[in-house]
Amino acid sequence: MTSSSSFHLFKFKLITVILLLLALTLTLFLSSLPHWESTLPLYLSRHKLLLFSLLWCASVSLVAYACTRPLPLLLLDYSCYKPDSDSRCSYELCEYFGRLSGRHSAESEAFMRAIYSKSGLGDETYAPPFLSRSDNVEAKYECAIQEAEEGMFTSVQHLLAKTDVDPSCITVLIAACSMFTPSPSFTSMLVQRFNFPPSVKTFNLSGMGCSAATTSFDLASRLLRRRVGNALIVVTESTSLNWYHGDNRHMLVTNCIFRLGTAAALVTSDPARRPQAKMELVQTLRTHHGADDASYNAAIQMEDEDGNVGVALTKDLVRVAGAGLKSHITRLAPRVLPVSEMARYACEVARAWAAAGDRKKAAQVPDFTRAFEHMCIHAGGKAVIDAVGRLMKFSEEVVEPARMCLHRFGNTSSSLVLYELAYFEAKGRIRRGDRVWMLAFGTGFKACSVVWRALRDSNLDPDNPWNDCFHRVRDCTSWFYAYNRIEEEQRREILRFHSTTSAGPAITVSWVGRFEVLRSREPGDPLLSLGIPRSPWTIHGVGFRGRHSRSPLRLLCCQTGESISLA
């Protein structure tokens, strides 16, 4: 909306308010007269100008409300890109590629091996195409273009086919990629490929980090709230030209956790499309903490001592994420939490402060599960998921989608929240009226929240990226926990995975690289979960919690024969 039209709208509102105040004053004056119920109709019938003024004010008020009321923003559908199986990236492939390049020292290889073993990533994530090429160990410009085009074109094509929307109906096009900004831009590539109309408004977002998708939804909301239109949002990340070939440990982490991923979403402000829409946007919130030096430098692209460019993830990243999340939810809580939860939280904080100034207890956070049924929290890494869950007091059921998304697809950067949403739909958990919270962090440091309300029950789409693997992750009622007592420092780690059998041993252990992989003994049953780093201990029993009976779990050392029974 231009400044002139905004000024005219402001004058229109001002005149309407003045007329309403005059009419209200006159009405109050007449109501103070004796027998006003009988005299007021007679008085208005004799003063036609006053009656006309009241009717005019009422009509103008209704028109002004209809003109200034924001249009709803509806999520028609979305599509997540799933690469071919040839692009799958296991640890063995990463280690082989690193040794083939000859750019990493033995200490760096050992460091990446340790990071990967604790990252929570599985062996079915996807890497850029150049990793599978043996003719050249360094990505070229054409590799980055190929990676971007395959992801964007495939996801947009699937999305337009699902929604049955003609490209000529797209009025706003938003493309987001943090680390790669070619010329012509990504939006120009999409316009040229799908023949979008010349009137389409294009926006390219760069440097936003993992918050690009949620930021794009906020941008689309601001563009479409006042006019009917359709916005196509495409979020991707280029890992080809950003694969790090040096020995800086802060930059080597990105090679271990960032993987290939692209998603496209179509939103509209046309109320007539509500029956076809999946969700309606309820709330958006963006906070920027870049004024703090630690927040600004927590994740930053830079050169190492040898001139190799990479993204450095410092040790302050988890702490910065926690501090940014606290500031973010302080602003978000009054907007989304029910009054009862706000009152309960205020009483608990006051009681904690009164009890000898228990600051630690007073610093607790409200129960956000009272505001949302489903949460797509930032799956940037195992440490980030643990930090968010610990700070927000989330149970394992809440953080399960983030862990499963990290395990299956890795950190896909900006598109990760849509992969998590696809997980919810694959499991059939979303029901009409449910509220979904998308929370993502970005470089800078930024935190962005998007709140949706489901308009219909979820269903499994043909292009859902979890179609071939969602059955591997079972419901949370059949968890069991095993303790890893085999580390050198004898620290205990909780390992969670799922089972579908009702009784008796059903899990065997095999090795894939340096990972302990849990598999079912039943023929044809797929991979269940990744386990702990490789060790001489193996699992020889099954323990059930929930609706199943619990049987003992036993760890057996294949080297010494020692056995440990876990209660």
Protein backbone atom coordinates (compact mmCIF):
# COMPACT_ATOMS: atom_id res chain seq x y z
CA MET A 1 0.00 0.00 0.00
CA THR A 2 1.43 3.40 -1.01
CA SER A 3 1.83 6.36 1.32
CA SER A 4 -0.90 8.39 -0.44
CA SER A 5 -3.49 5.64 -0.17
CA SER A 6 -2.54 5.15 3.48
CA PHE A 7 -3.06 8.87 4.11
CA HIS A 8 -6.50 8.82 2.46
CA LEU A 9 -7.45 5.77 4.50
CA PHE A 10 -6.33 7.55 7.67
CA LYS A 11 -8.52 10.59 6.85
CA PHE A 12 -11.43 8.27 6.12
CA LYS A 13 -11.05 6.62 9.50
CA LEU A 14 -10.71 9.94 11.29
CA ILE A 15 -13.92 11.37 9.79
CA THR A 16 -15.77 8.16 10.64
CA VAL A 17 -14.65 8.32 14.27
CA ILE A 18 -15.72 11.98 14.57
CA LEU A 19 -19.16 11.23 13.17
CA LEU A 20 -19.57 8.28 15.50
CA LEU A 21 -18.62 10.39 18.51
CA LEU A 22 -21.14 13.08 17.55
CA ALA A 23 -23.89 10.53 17.06
CA LEU A 24 -23.06 8.85 20.38
CA THR A 25 -23.09 12.20 22.19
CA LEU A 26 -26.50 13.08 20.76
CA THR A 27 -27.88 9.66 21.62
CA LEU A 28 -26.69 9.93 25.22
CA PHE A 29 -28.23 13.40 25.47
CA LEU A 30 -31.60 12.19 24.23
CA SER A 31 -31.52 9.16 26.49
CA SER A 32 -31.20 11.47 29.51
CA LEU A 33 -34.57 13.02 28.74
CA PRO A 34 -37.68 11.69 30.57
CA HIS A 35 -39.63 9.03 28.68
CA TRP A 36 -36.92 8.85 26.06
CA GLU A 37 -38.16 5.47 24.80
CA SER A 38 -41.31 7.10 23.43
CA THR A 39 -39.93 10.51 22.63
CA LEU A 40 -36.80 9.36 20.77
CA PRO A 41 -38.60 7.71 17.78
CA LEU A 42 -40.89 10.72 17.56
CA TYR A 43 -37.96 13.08 17.75
CA LEU A 44 -36.08 11.25 15.00
CA SER A 45 -39.16 11.13 12.78
CA ARG A 46 -39.42 14.91 13.00
CA HIS A 47 -35.68 15.47 12.42
CA LYS A 48 -34.93 13.59 9.25
CA LEU A 49 -31.44 15.07 8.98
CA LEU A 50 -30.41 13.57 12.32
CA LEU A 51 -31.86 10.17 11.35
CA PHE A 52 -29.99 10.30 8.08
CA SER A 53 -26.77 11.21 9.92
CA LEU A 54 -27.11 8.22 12.26
CA LEU A 55 -27.77 5.84 9.39
CA TRP A 56 -24.87 7.32 7.45
CA CYS A 57 -22.49 6.89 10.37
CA ALA A 58 -23.56 3.28 10.85
CA SER A 59 -23.11 2.51 7.15
CA VAL A 60 -19.74 4.22 6.96
CA SER A 61 -18.56 2.33 10.04
CA LEU A 62 -19.50 -1.01 8.53
CA VAL A 63 -17.81 -0.15 5.24
CA ALA A 64 -14.68 1.07 7.05
CA TYR A 65 -14.51 -2.13 9.09
CA ALA A 66 -14.90 -4.27 5.98
CA CYS A 67 -12.23 -2.31 4.11
CA THR A 68 -9.65 -2.25 6.90
CA ARG A 69 -10.14 -5.76 8.27
CA PRO A 70 -7.10 -7.93 7.39
CA LEU A 71 -7.71 -10.77 5.01
CA PRO A 72 -7.01 -14.31 6.25
CA LEU A 73 -3.77 -15.94 5.14
CA LEU A 74 -4.38 -19.58 4.23
CA LEU A 75 -1.84 -22.31 3.60
CA LEU A 76 -3.17 -24.13 0.57
CA ASP A 77 -0.46 -26.79 0.51
CA TYR A 78 3.27 -27.38 0.54
CA SER A 79 5.75 -29.80 -0.96
CA CYS A 80 9.11 -31.01 0.40
CA TYR A 81 11.78 -32.13 -2.01
CA LYS A 82 13.07 -35.66 -1.61
CA PRO A 83 16.22 -36.36 -3.66
CA ASP A 84 16.96 -39.64 -5.38
CA SER A 85 18.48 -42.49 -3.42
CA ASP A 86 21.76 -41.91 -5.28
CA SER A 87 22.22 -38.75 -3.22
CA ARG A 88 22.05 -40.51 0.14
CA CYS A 89 24.94 -39.56 2.38
CA SER A 90 26.24 -41.93 5.04
CA TYR A 91 29.19 -41.27 7.29
CA GLU A 92 31.30 -43.60 5.17
CA LEU A 93 30.66 -41.40 2.13
CA CYS A 94 31.61 -38.24 4.02
CA GLU A 95 34.76 -39.85 5.36
CA TYR A 96 35.69 -41.22 1.94
CA PHE A 97 35.13 -37.84 0.31
CA GLY A 98 37.21 -36.10 2.96
CA ARG A 99 40.12 -38.47 2.46
CA LEU A 100 39.79 -38.27 -1.33
CA SER A 101 40.09 -34.50 -1.23
CA GLY A 102 43.23 -34.67 0.90
CA ARG A 103 42.33 -31.33 2.47
CA HIS A 104 41.78 -32.52 6.04
CA SER A 105 44.37 -33.58 8.57
CA ALA A 106 44.12 -36.76 10.62
CA GLU A 107 43.06 -34.70 13.64
CA SER A 108 40.24 -33.10 11.63
CA GLU A 109 39.02 -36.49 10.44
CA ALA A 110 38.95 -37.76 14.00
CA PHE A 111 37.09 -34.62 15.10
CA MET A 112 34.46 -34.98 12.36
CA ARG A 113 34.09 -38.65 13.25
CA ALA A 114 33.36 -37.71 16.85
CA ILE A 115 30.93 -34.94 15.88
CA TYR A 116 29.06 -37.16 13.45
CA SER A 117 28.70 -39.93 16.03
CA LYS A 118 26.95 -37.52 18.39
CA SER A 119 25.05 -35.48 15.81
CA GLY A 120 21.88 -37.58 15.72
CA LEU A 121 22.02 -37.90 11.91
CA GLY A 122 21.28 -41.18 10.23
CA ASP A 123 22.71 -42.76 7.11
CA GLU A 124 19.74 -41.76 4.90
CA THR A 125 20.31 -38.03 4.70
CA TYR A 126 21.03 -36.43 1.34
CA ALA A 127 24.18 -34.66 0.20
CA PRO A 128 24.81 -32.37 -2.81
CA PRO A 129 25.46 -34.16 -6.11
CA PHE A 130 29.14 -33.25 -6.33
CA LEU A 131 29.99 -35.57 -3.40
CA SER A 132 29.23 -38.60 -5.54
CA ARG A 133 31.45 -37.41 -8.40
CA SER A 134 34.94 -38.86 -8.43
CA ASP A 135 36.31 -36.61 -11.17
CA ASN A 136 36.42 -33.49 -8.99
CA VAL A 137 36.45 -33.15 -5.23
CA GLU A 138 35.54 -29.47 -5.22
CA ALA A 139 32.14 -28.15 -6.19
CA LYS A 140 31.86 -25.78 -9.11
CA TYR A 141 29.29 -23.13 -9.88
CA GLU A 142 27.37 -25.54 -12.09
CA CYS A 143 27.07 -27.99 -9.17
CA ALA A 144 25.41 -25.32 -7.02
CA ILE A 145 23.05 -24.36 -9.84
CA GLN A 146 22.17 -28.02 -10.40
CA GLU A 147 21.48 -28.53 -6.70
CA ALA A 148 19.24 -25.46 -6.51
CA GLU A 149 17.31 -26.14 -9.71
CA GLU A 150 16.61 -29.78 -8.92
CA GLY A 151 15.18 -28.93 -5.52
CA MET A 152 13.23 -25.82 -6.45
CA PHE A 153 11.80 -26.98 -9.77
CA THR A 154 10.73 -30.38 -8.41
CA SER A 155 9.02 -29.03 -5.28
CA VAL A 156 7.25 -26.21 -7.15
CA GLN A 157 6.07 -28.55 -9.89
CA HIS A 158 4.61 -30.97 -7.35
CA LEU A 159 3.01 -28.12 -5.41
CA LEU A 160 1.29 -26.53 -8.41
CA ALA A 161 0.02 -29.94 -9.51
CA LYS A 162 -1.41 -30.70 -6.06
CA THR A 163 -3.17 -27.36 -5.64
CA ASP A 164 -4.30 -27.13 -9.28
CA VAL A 165 -3.18 -23.49 -9.37
CA ASP A 166 -2.21 -22.00 -12.70
CA PRO A 167 1.15 -20.15 -12.67
CA SER A 168 -0.60 -17.06 -14.02
CA CYS A 169 -2.47 -16.79 -10.68
CA ILE A 170 0.71 -16.27 -8.66
CA THR A 171 0.96 -12.63 -7.56
CA VAL A 172 3.88 -12.85 -5.11
CA LEU A 173 7.01 -15.01 -5.43
CA ILE A 174 9.45 -15.35 -2.51
CA ALA A 175 12.68 -17.35 -2.77
CA ALA A 176 15.05 -17.77 0.16
CA CYS A 177 18.59 -19.15 0.18
CA SER A 178 21.14 -18.03 2.72
CA MET A 179 24.50 -19.02 1.26
CA PHE A 180 24.10 -18.79 -2.52
CA THR A 181 22.80 -15.78 -4.45
CA PRO A 182 23.37 -16.23 -8.20
CA SER A 183 22.55 -13.74 -10.91
CA PRO A 184 19.94 -13.94 -12.38
CA SER A 185 18.29 -14.59 -9.04
CA PHE A 186 16.38 -17.67 -7.93
CA THR A 187 13.07 -15.90 -8.50
CA SER A 188 14.11 -15.14 -12.07
CA MET A 189 14.93 -18.82 -12.60
CA LEU A 190 11.47 -19.76 -11.33
CA VAL A 191 9.72 -17.12 -13.43
CA GLN A 192 11.55 -18.32 -16.54
CA ARG A 193 10.84 -22.01 -15.83
CA PHE A 194 7.14 -21.77 -14.88
CA ASN A 195 6.19 -18.72 -16.94
CA PHE A 196 4.83 -16.63 -14.08
CA PRO A 197 3.03 -13.43 -15.17
CA PRO A 198 4.99 -10.18 -15.69
CA SER A 199 3.05 -8.56 -12.86
CA VAL A 200 4.36 -10.98 -10.24
CA LYS A 201 6.15 -9.31 -7.33
CA THR A 202 9.42 -11.14 -6.58
CA PHE A 203 11.49 -11.13 -3.39
CA ASN A 204 14.85 -12.82 -2.77
CA LEU A 205 15.95 -13.41 0.82
CA SER A 206 19.57 -14.23 1.63
CA GLY A 207 21.61 -14.59 4.80
CA MET A 208 18.56 -15.46 6.91
CA GLY A 209 19.87 -18.84 8.02
CA CYS A 210 17.43 -21.48 9.22
CA SER A 211 14.70 -18.90 9.87
CA ALA A 212 14.17 -18.11 6.16
CA ALA A 213 10.97 -20.17 5.84
CA THR A 214 9.24 -18.63 8.85
CA THR A 215 10.45 -15.19 7.80
CA SER A 216 9.00 -15.78 4.32
CA PHE A 217 5.61 -16.63 5.81
CA ASP A 218 5.71 -13.40 7.80
CA LEU A 219 6.62 -11.43 4.67
CA ALA A 220 3.82 -13.05 2.66
CA SER A 221 1.36 -12.22 5.43
CA ARG A 222 2.31 -8.55 5.34
CA LEU A 223 1.97 -8.45 1.54
CA LEU A 224 -1.38 -10.24 1.24
CA ARG A 225 -3.33 -9.05 4.27
CA ARG A 226 -4.78 -6.06 2.36
CA ARG A 227 -5.34 -7.54 -1.07
CA VAL A 228 -6.41 -10.87 -2.49
CA GLY A 229 -3.57 -12.81 -4.03
CA ASN A 230 -1.47 -15.97 -4.05
CA ALA A 231 2.10 -16.14 -2.77
CA LEU A 232 4.52 -18.92 -3.70
CA ILE A 233 7.31 -19.43 -1.16
CA VAL A 234 10.39 -21.47 -2.10
CA VAL A 235 13.08 -22.10 0.53
CA THR A 236 16.31 -23.94 -0.18
CA GLU A 237 19.95 -24.03 0.83
CA SER A 238 23.09 -24.52 -1.22
CA THR A 239 25.63 -26.81 0.39
CA SER A 240 27.76 -27.38 -2.72
CA LEU A 241 29.83 -24.20 -2.69
CA ASN A 242 29.77 -24.07 1.10
CA TRP A 243 31.39 -27.43 1.80
CA TYR A 244 34.36 -26.63 3.99
CA HIS A 245 37.78 -28.02 3.03
CA GLY A 246 39.93 -26.71 5.87
CA ASP A 247 40.85 -27.73 9.41
CA ASN A 248 39.02 -25.11 11.49
CA ARG A 249 36.91 -27.12 13.91
CA HIS A 250 34.17 -24.50 14.19
CA MET A 251 33.66 -24.77 10.42
CA LEU A 252 34.02 -28.54 10.17
CA VAL A 253 30.80 -28.96 12.16
CA THR A 254 28.74 -27.76 9.19
CA ASN A 255 30.03 -30.65 7.05
CA CYS A 256 28.66 -33.07 9.63
CA ILE A 257 25.13 -31.73 10.14
CA PHE A 258 23.98 -29.71 7.09
CA ARG A 259 22.29 -31.68 4.33
CA LEU A 260 20.27 -31.22 1.16
CA GLY A 261 16.68 -30.00 1.43
CA THR A 262 14.16 -27.76 -0.35
CA ALA A 263 10.49 -26.97 0.22
CA ALA A 264 7.79 -24.90 -1.48
CA ALA A 265 4.56 -23.56 0.03
CA LEU A 266 1.57 -21.81 -1.49
CA VAL A 267 -0.40 -19.32 0.63
CA THR A 268 -3.40 -17.25 -0.37
CA SER A 269 -5.53 -14.44 1.01
CA ASP A 270 -8.58 -15.42 -1.04
CA PRO A 271 -11.38 -16.35 1.42
CA ALA A 272 -13.04 -18.43 -1.31
CA ARG A 273 -10.14 -20.92 -1.14
CA ARG A 274 -10.73 -21.75 2.54
CA PRO A 275 -12.38 -25.14 1.79
CA GLN A 276 -9.22 -26.26 -0.04
CA ALA A 277 -6.75 -24.82 2.50
CA LYS A 278 -4.91 -26.89 5.08
CA MET A 279 -4.19 -24.21 7.68
CA GLU A 280 -4.79 -20.58 8.54
CA LEU A 281 -2.11 -18.26 9.82
CA VAL A 282 -2.84 -17.07 13.35
CA GLN A 283 0.27 -15.29 14.56
CA THR A 284 3.81 -14.39 13.52
CA LEU A 285 6.61 -12.98 15.63
CA ARG A 286 10.19 -12.09 14.73
CA THR A 287 12.89 -10.96 17.16
CA HIS A 288 16.42 -9.91 16.25
CA HIS A 289 19.27 -10.11 18.76
CA GLY A 290 22.10 -8.98 16.53
CA ALA A 291 22.96 -6.02 18.76
CA ASP A 292 24.76 -8.47 21.05
CA ASP A 293 28.25 -9.38 19.80
CA ALA A 294 28.02 -13.00 20.94
CA SER A 295 24.69 -13.43 19.18
CA TYR A 296 25.98 -11.85 15.99
CA ASN A 297 29.08 -14.06 15.87
CA ALA A 298 27.45 -17.31 17.00
CA ALA A 299 27.08 -18.50 13.39
CA ILE A 300 28.97 -16.51 10.81
CA GLN A 301 30.51 -17.05 7.38
CA MET A 302 34.21 -16.29 7.33
CA GLU A 303 37.63 -17.33 6.08
CA ASP A 304 40.00 -19.51 8.05
CA GLU A 305 43.73 -18.97 8.37
CA ASP A 306 44.34 -20.61 4.97
CA GLY A 307 41.69 -18.64 3.10
CA ASN A 308 39.06 -21.40 3.03
CA VAL A 309 35.54 -20.01 3.30
CA GLY A 310 33.07 -21.68 5.61
CA VAL A 311 30.39 -21.12 8.23
CA ALA A 312 31.74 -21.11 11.77
CA LEU A 313 29.45 -22.42 14.51
CA THR A 314 30.98 -21.24 17.78
CA LYS A 315 30.61 -22.80 21.19
CA ASP A 316 28.33 -19.93 22.21
CA LEU A 317 25.68 -21.02 19.73
CA VAL A 318 23.67 -23.13 22.18
CA ARG A 319 23.87 -20.49 24.90
CA VAL A 320 22.89 -17.75 22.44
CA ALA A 321 19.97 -19.85 21.21
CA GLY A 322 18.76 -20.29 24.79
CA ALA A 323 19.03 -16.59 25.57
CA GLY A 324 17.35 -15.63 22.31
CA LEU A 325 14.56 -18.12 22.93
CA LYS A 326 13.91 -16.69 26.40
CA SER A 327 13.58 -13.19 25.00
CA HIS A 328 11.44 -14.46 22.14
CA ILE A 329 8.92 -16.39 24.23
CA THR A 330 8.61 -13.44 26.61
CA ARG A 331 6.99 -11.53 23.75
CA LEU A 332 5.17 -14.52 22.33
CA ALA A 333 3.55 -15.84 25.52
CA PRO A 334 0.97 -13.03 26.03
CA ARG A 335 -0.18 -13.44 22.43
CA VAL A 336 -0.79 -17.18 22.39
CA LEU A 337 -1.17 -18.53 25.93
CA PRO A 338 -4.65 -18.89 27.41
CA VAL A 339 -5.55 -16.63 30.33
CA SER A 340 -5.67 -19.58 32.73
CA GLU A 341 -2.07 -20.56 31.95
CA MET A 342 -0.87 -16.97 32.26
CA ALA A 343 -2.59 -16.67 35.64
CA ARG A 344 -1.13 -19.99 36.82
CA TYR A 345 2.34 -18.99 35.70
CA ALA A 346 2.07 -15.59 37.42
CA CYS A 347 0.99 -17.26 40.67
CA GLU A 348 3.88 -19.72 40.54
CA VAL A 349 6.43 -16.99 39.88
CA ALA A 350 5.05 -14.84 42.71
CA ARG A 351 5.06 -17.83 45.08
CA ALA A 352 8.65 -18.68 44.12
CA TRP A 353 9.84 -15.12 44.71
CA ALA A 354 8.04 -14.99 48.04
CA ALA A 355 9.68 -18.24 49.16
CA ALA A 356 13.05 -16.77 50.14
CA GLY A 357 13.68 -15.41 46.66
CA ASP A 358 13.92 -18.69 44.79
CA ARG A 359 15.09 -17.10 41.56
CA LYS A 360 15.78 -20.39 39.80
CA LYS A 361 12.23 -21.58 40.26
CA ALA A 362 10.87 -18.13 39.42
CA ALA A 363 12.74 -18.24 36.11
CA GLN A 364 10.72 -21.18 34.81
CA VAL A 365 8.72 -20.81 31.60
CA PRO A 366 4.98 -21.24 31.05
CA ASP A 367 3.56 -24.46 29.72
CA PHE A 368 3.37 -23.84 25.99
CA THR A 369 1.69 -27.20 25.43
CA ARG A 370 -1.46 -25.45 26.67
CA ALA A 371 -1.29 -23.15 23.64
CA PHE A 372 -0.22 -25.58 20.89
CA GLU A 373 -1.05 -29.17 20.08
CA HIS A 374 1.96 -29.62 17.77
CA MET A 375 5.37 -27.95 17.70
CA CYS A 376 7.88 -27.84 14.85
CA ILE A 377 10.87 -26.70 16.85
CA HIS A 378 14.24 -25.88 15.37
CA ALA A 379 16.08 -29.07 14.40
CA GLY A 380 19.46 -27.43 13.89
CA GLY A 381 21.33 -30.12 15.78
CA LYS A 382 21.12 -32.49 18.69
CA ALA A 383 22.54 -29.91 21.13
CA VAL A 384 20.05 -27.26 19.98
CA ILE A 385 17.10 -29.64 20.32
CA ASP A 386 18.26 -30.65 23.79
CA ALA A 387 18.67 -27.00 24.81
CA VAL A 388 15.20 -26.01 23.58
CA GLY A 389 13.61 -29.02 25.24
CA ARG A 390 15.42 -28.36 28.51
CA LEU A 391 14.59 -24.65 28.55
CA MET A 392 10.93 -25.09 27.60
CA LYS A 393 10.48 -28.17 29.84
CA PHE A 394 9.31 -30.19 26.84
CA SER A 395 8.79 -33.92 27.10
CA GLU A 396 10.26 -36.42 24.64
CA GLU A 397 6.91 -36.58 22.85
CA VAL A 398 7.19 -32.88 21.96
CA VAL A 399 10.76 -32.97 20.66
CA GLU A 400 10.33 -36.31 18.89
CA PRO A 401 9.48 -34.79 15.45
CA ALA A 402 12.58 -32.59 15.57
CA ARG A 403 14.82 -35.53 16.46
CA MET A 404 13.30 -37.72 13.77
CA CYS A 405 13.65 -34.95 11.16
CA LEU A 406 17.30 -34.44 12.12
CA HIS A 407 17.91 -38.19 12.00
CA ARG A 408 16.23 -38.73 8.61
CA PHE A 409 17.09 -35.55 6.68
CA GLY A 410 19.74 -33.78 8.74
CA ASN A 411 19.78 -30.01 9.14
CA THR A 412 18.14 -28.83 5.93
CA SER A 413 18.35 -25.22 7.10
CA SER A 414 15.37 -23.05 6.19
CA SER A 415 13.10 -25.89 5.03
CA LEU A 416 13.37 -27.99 8.20
CA VAL A 417 10.09 -26.74 9.75
CA LEU A 418 8.17 -27.92 6.68
CA TYR A 419 9.81 -31.35 6.84
CA GLU A 420 8.66 -31.53 10.47
CA LEU A 421 5.14 -30.51 9.45
CA ALA A 422 5.20 -33.30 6.88
CA TYR A 423 6.15 -35.70 9.68
CA PHE A 424 3.05 -34.72 11.64
CA GLU A 425 0.88 -35.26 8.59
CA ALA A 426 2.50 -38.60 7.77
CA LYS A 427 1.70 -39.79 11.28
CA GLY A 428 -1.88 -38.47 10.99
CA ARG A 429 -1.64 -36.43 14.18
CA ILE A 430 -3.09 -33.10 13.04
CA ARG A 431 -6.82 -32.64 13.55
CA ARG A 432 -9.09 -29.80 12.59
CA GLY A 433 -8.71 -26.92 15.04
CA ASP A 434 -5.23 -27.96 16.22
CA ARG A 435 -2.64 -25.22 16.59
CA VAL A 436 0.83 -25.72 15.15
CA TRP A 437 3.85 -23.71 16.31
CA MET A 438 6.83 -23.31 13.98
CA LEU A 439 9.94 -22.07 15.75
CA ALA A 440 13.19 -21.42 13.87
CA PHE A 441 16.48 -19.68 14.61
CA GLY A 442 18.55 -17.79 12.08
CA THR A 443 21.98 -16.28 11.81
CA GLY A 444 22.30 -12.79 13.11
CA PHE A 445 20.89 -13.97 15.66
CA LYS A 446 17.17 -14.20 14.88
CA ALA A 447 14.21 -16.12 16.31
CA CYS A 448 10.96 -16.41 14.37
CA SER A 449 7.64 -18.01 15.26
CA VAL A 450 4.69 -18.83 13.03
CA VAL A 451 1.43 -20.13 14.49
CA TRP A 452 -1.10 -21.99 12.34
CA ARG A 453 -4.57 -23.35 12.96
CA ALA A 454 -5.53 -26.52 11.10
CA LEU A 455 -8.67 -26.23 8.96
CA ARG A 456 -9.00 -29.97 8.32
CA ASP A 457 -7.56 -33.28 9.39
CA SER A 458 -4.17 -34.19 8.02
CA ASN A 459 -3.78 -36.80 5.31
CA LEU A 460 -0.82 -38.50 3.70
CA ASP A 461 0.04 -36.80 0.41
CA PRO A 462 1.66 -38.82 -2.38
CA ASP A 463 4.74 -36.59 -2.34
CA ASN A 464 5.20 -36.60 1.43
CA PRO A 465 8.95 -37.15 2.04
CA TRP A 466 8.17 -39.52 4.92
CA ASN A 467 6.12 -41.94 2.82
CA ASP A 468 8.77 -44.64 2.75
CA CYS A 469 9.95 -44.32 6.34
CA PHE A 470 7.28 -42.91 8.69
CA HIS A 471 6.25 -46.44 9.67
CA ARG A 472 9.72 -46.98 11.11
CA VAL A 473 9.07 -44.48 13.89
CA ARG A 474 6.42 -45.81 16.22
CA ASP A 475 4.11 -44.15 18.69
CA CYS A 476 5.54 -42.93 21.94
CA THR A 477 3.72 -45.54 24.05
CA SER A 478 6.29 -48.24 23.31
CA TRP A 479 9.52 -46.50 24.23
CA PHE A 480 12.22 -48.05 26.22
CA TYR A 481 15.46 -46.62 27.45
CA ALA A 482 18.89 -48.22 27.47
CA TYR A 483 21.94 -46.82 29.15
CA ASN A 484 25.29 -46.63 27.47
CA ARG A 485 27.83 -47.57 30.14
CA ILE A 486 30.68 -48.16 27.78
CA GLU A 487 32.25 -44.72 27.37
CA GLU A 488 35.74 -44.18 28.72
CA GLU A 489 34.44 -41.76 31.33
CA GLN A 490 31.54 -44.12 32.18
CA ARG A 491 28.95 -41.45 31.54
CA ARG A 492 25.38 -42.59 31.05
CA GLU A 493 23.50 -41.68 27.88
CA ILE A 494 19.86 -42.37 27.32
CA LEU A 495 19.04 -44.04 24.05
CA ARG A 496 15.48 -43.96 22.83
CA PHE A 497 13.95 -45.95 20.05
CA HIS A 498 10.65 -47.58 19.19
CA SER A 499 9.34 -51.10 18.87
CA THR A 500 6.10 -52.61 17.67
CA THR A 501 6.22 -56.07 19.18
CA SER A 502 4.17 -56.83 22.28
CA ALA A 503 6.47 -59.25 24.07
CA GLY A 504 9.76 -61.07 23.83
CA PRO A 505 13.10 -60.10 22.30
CA ALA A 506 12.66 -58.34 18.98
CA ILE A 507 15.77 -56.22 18.56
CA THR A 508 19.16 -57.23 17.22
CA VAL A 509 22.25 -55.09 16.79
CA SER A 510 24.37 -54.64 13.69
CA TRP A 511 27.08 -52.21 12.69
CA VAL A 512 26.95 -49.57 9.97
CA GLY A 513 30.22 -47.71 9.97
CA ARG A 514 30.75 -46.52 13.51
CA PHE A 515 27.12 -46.69 14.48
CA GLU A 516 25.16 -49.26 16.37
CA VAL A 517 21.96 -49.87 14.41
CA LEU A 518 18.89 -51.43 15.97
CA ARG A 519 16.90 -53.71 13.71
CA SER A 520 13.91 -55.96 14.15
CA ARG A 521 14.31 -59.71 13.88
CA GLU A 522 11.16 -59.99 11.81
CA PRO A 523 11.98 -60.41 8.10
CA GLY A 524 11.40 -57.31 6.03
CA ASP A 525 10.96 -54.94 8.98
CA PRO A 526 12.98 -51.80 8.23
CA LEU A 527 15.54 -49.89 10.21
CA LEU A 528 14.18 -48.70 13.54
CA SER A 529 16.68 -46.19 14.88
CA LEU A 530 20.29 -45.23 15.11
CA GLY A 531 21.98 -46.14 18.32
CA ILE A 532 25.01 -44.99 20.21
CA PRO A 533 28.61 -44.73 18.99
CA ARG A 534 30.26 -48.03 18.25
CA SER A 535 31.42 -49.95 21.28
CA PRO A 536 32.02 -53.55 22.38
CA TRP A 537 28.63 -53.64 24.09
CA THR A 538 25.50 -54.98 22.39
CA ILE A 539 21.86 -55.15 23.40
CA HIS A 540 20.36 -58.59 24.04
CA GLY A 541 16.95 -57.83 25.51
CA VAL A 542 13.93 -55.62 25.19
CA GLY A 543 12.38 -53.40 27.85
CA PHE A 544 8.93 -51.94 27.30
CA ARG A 545 7.27 -48.96 28.92
CA GLY A 546 3.65 -47.92 28.50
CA ARG A 547 0.89 -50.29 27.54
CA HIS A 548 3.27 -53.23 27.08
CA SER A 549 4.69 -55.38 29.86
CA ARG A 550 8.25 -54.65 30.79
CA SER A 551 10.98 -57.24 30.43
CA PRO A 552 14.62 -56.94 31.47
CA LEU A 553 17.19 -55.37 29.19
CA ARG A 554 20.67 -56.86 29.11
CA LEU A 555 23.93 -55.50 27.69
CA LEU A 556 26.54 -58.04 26.67
CA CYS A 557 30.20 -57.23 25.97
CA CYS A 558 31.37 -59.17 22.93
CA GLN A 559 35.01 -58.87 24.04
CA THR A 560 34.97 -59.93 27.70
CA GLY A 561 31.60 -61.65 27.91
CA GLU A 562 30.58 -59.39 30.82
CA SER A 563 26.83 -58.88 31.16
CA ILE A 564 24.96 -55.92 32.64
CA SER A 565 21.26 -56.11 33.44
CA LEU A 566 19.37 -52.83 33.28
CA ALA A 567 16.34 -52.32 35.47
